[in-house]
Amino acid sequence: MVVACAQLLQEAEAEPPIPVERLASLRGVIEIRQGDQAWAGMLAPAPGRGLVVTVRASDGFERQRFTVCHEIGHTFFPGFHQQKSYRCNGAKTSLEQLCDLAGSELLLPRSYFSRDLDDATFDLDSIEDLADRYQASIEATALRAVDLSHGPAALLVLRHRHKPAERGNEDQAEPKLRLDYCHATGSWPYALRHKSIDSESPLAAAYDGELVDMSNADVDELFSAPVGTVELHAKRYGRDGRVLALIRPKGGRDG
C-alpha cells in the first residue's frame, strides 16, 4: 500500500497541500460529491462512466479530504469497481484499516511529512502548523506525527461522555472525561479505553480550556501499568469538545 500510494503521488506530481481531486481522477473517479449520509464516505461505480466518491456533507473540509484519500485506497484492491464501499466509524475490517493507511499516505505523504516533522517541535502548536500546511485535520495530523516519530510517542483522545455500560441509563450517571482511544508507537502498556480521568488531572484542565504543556506529567491512570513521567501537550478541540494529548517519555527528542 505504501508503495502504491507513493507511485500515485509521483504520477500526479503532487506536493502539499495534496490535490486530492487529481489523485482521484487518476484512479478513475469522475466526480466527488457531498451527501447527507451516516457514513463518512462512499465509493460507487457509475456504470459506463467511472467511479463516484460521496463524502458526508456535515464533515469539515479537512476530514472530507482524508475521506477522499481513504476511498482512493479502495481502488488498489480487486473488485472495487463492482460494488459500493463505505468509510464508517466503529470497528474496522482489515481492508478498512488498509484504506485508512492509504488516506494517511496520500494526504500526509511520508516523503514530505517526515522532513517537516524533523524541523518541528513536539507540541500541538507544531501539529496545528502541519495540519494547515497539509489541509488535514488536527487529529489525522497528530496520528501521522506519532506514526513517523523517531521515538516512543502516543496520542490520547478523550471525550466527555458516558461509558458504554451506562447507555440507556444516562440520566442516572454523570458523564465524565474518558479515554476514547490511544494510538502509540514504541512500547507502552495497554491503554484503558473508557477510563475516566481524575478531576485534578492536567487532562481535565485541557478540557476546561487550558493549553497544557508539561515536561513532567503523570498519566498512569489511563494505562494498565505505570508509564512513568511523560512530556504532555493537551488541548480541547472541535464542536464535540474532544481533548487531544500528545505524550512521550520524559527526555524524548524533538524532530
Foldseek 3Di string as FASTA:
>chain_A
DLVVLVVLCVVLVADWLGPLVSSVVVLFEPEEEEDQDQFQKKWAADPPRGIYMYGHPPDDPQSNQLRSQLLSLLSVDPPPHPGMDTHHDDDDDPSSVSSNVSSCCNLPPCVPNLVLQLVDFPALVSLVVVCVRNVHDSVSSVLVSQVNPPAKKKKWKWAFAAAPVCPVPPVVDGTATFTCDMRIDDDDAAFAGRQGDDCPAVQVVQLVFDFDWDLFHFPQSGGPGGPHTWTWTWHFDDPRGMIIIMIDRRPDDGD
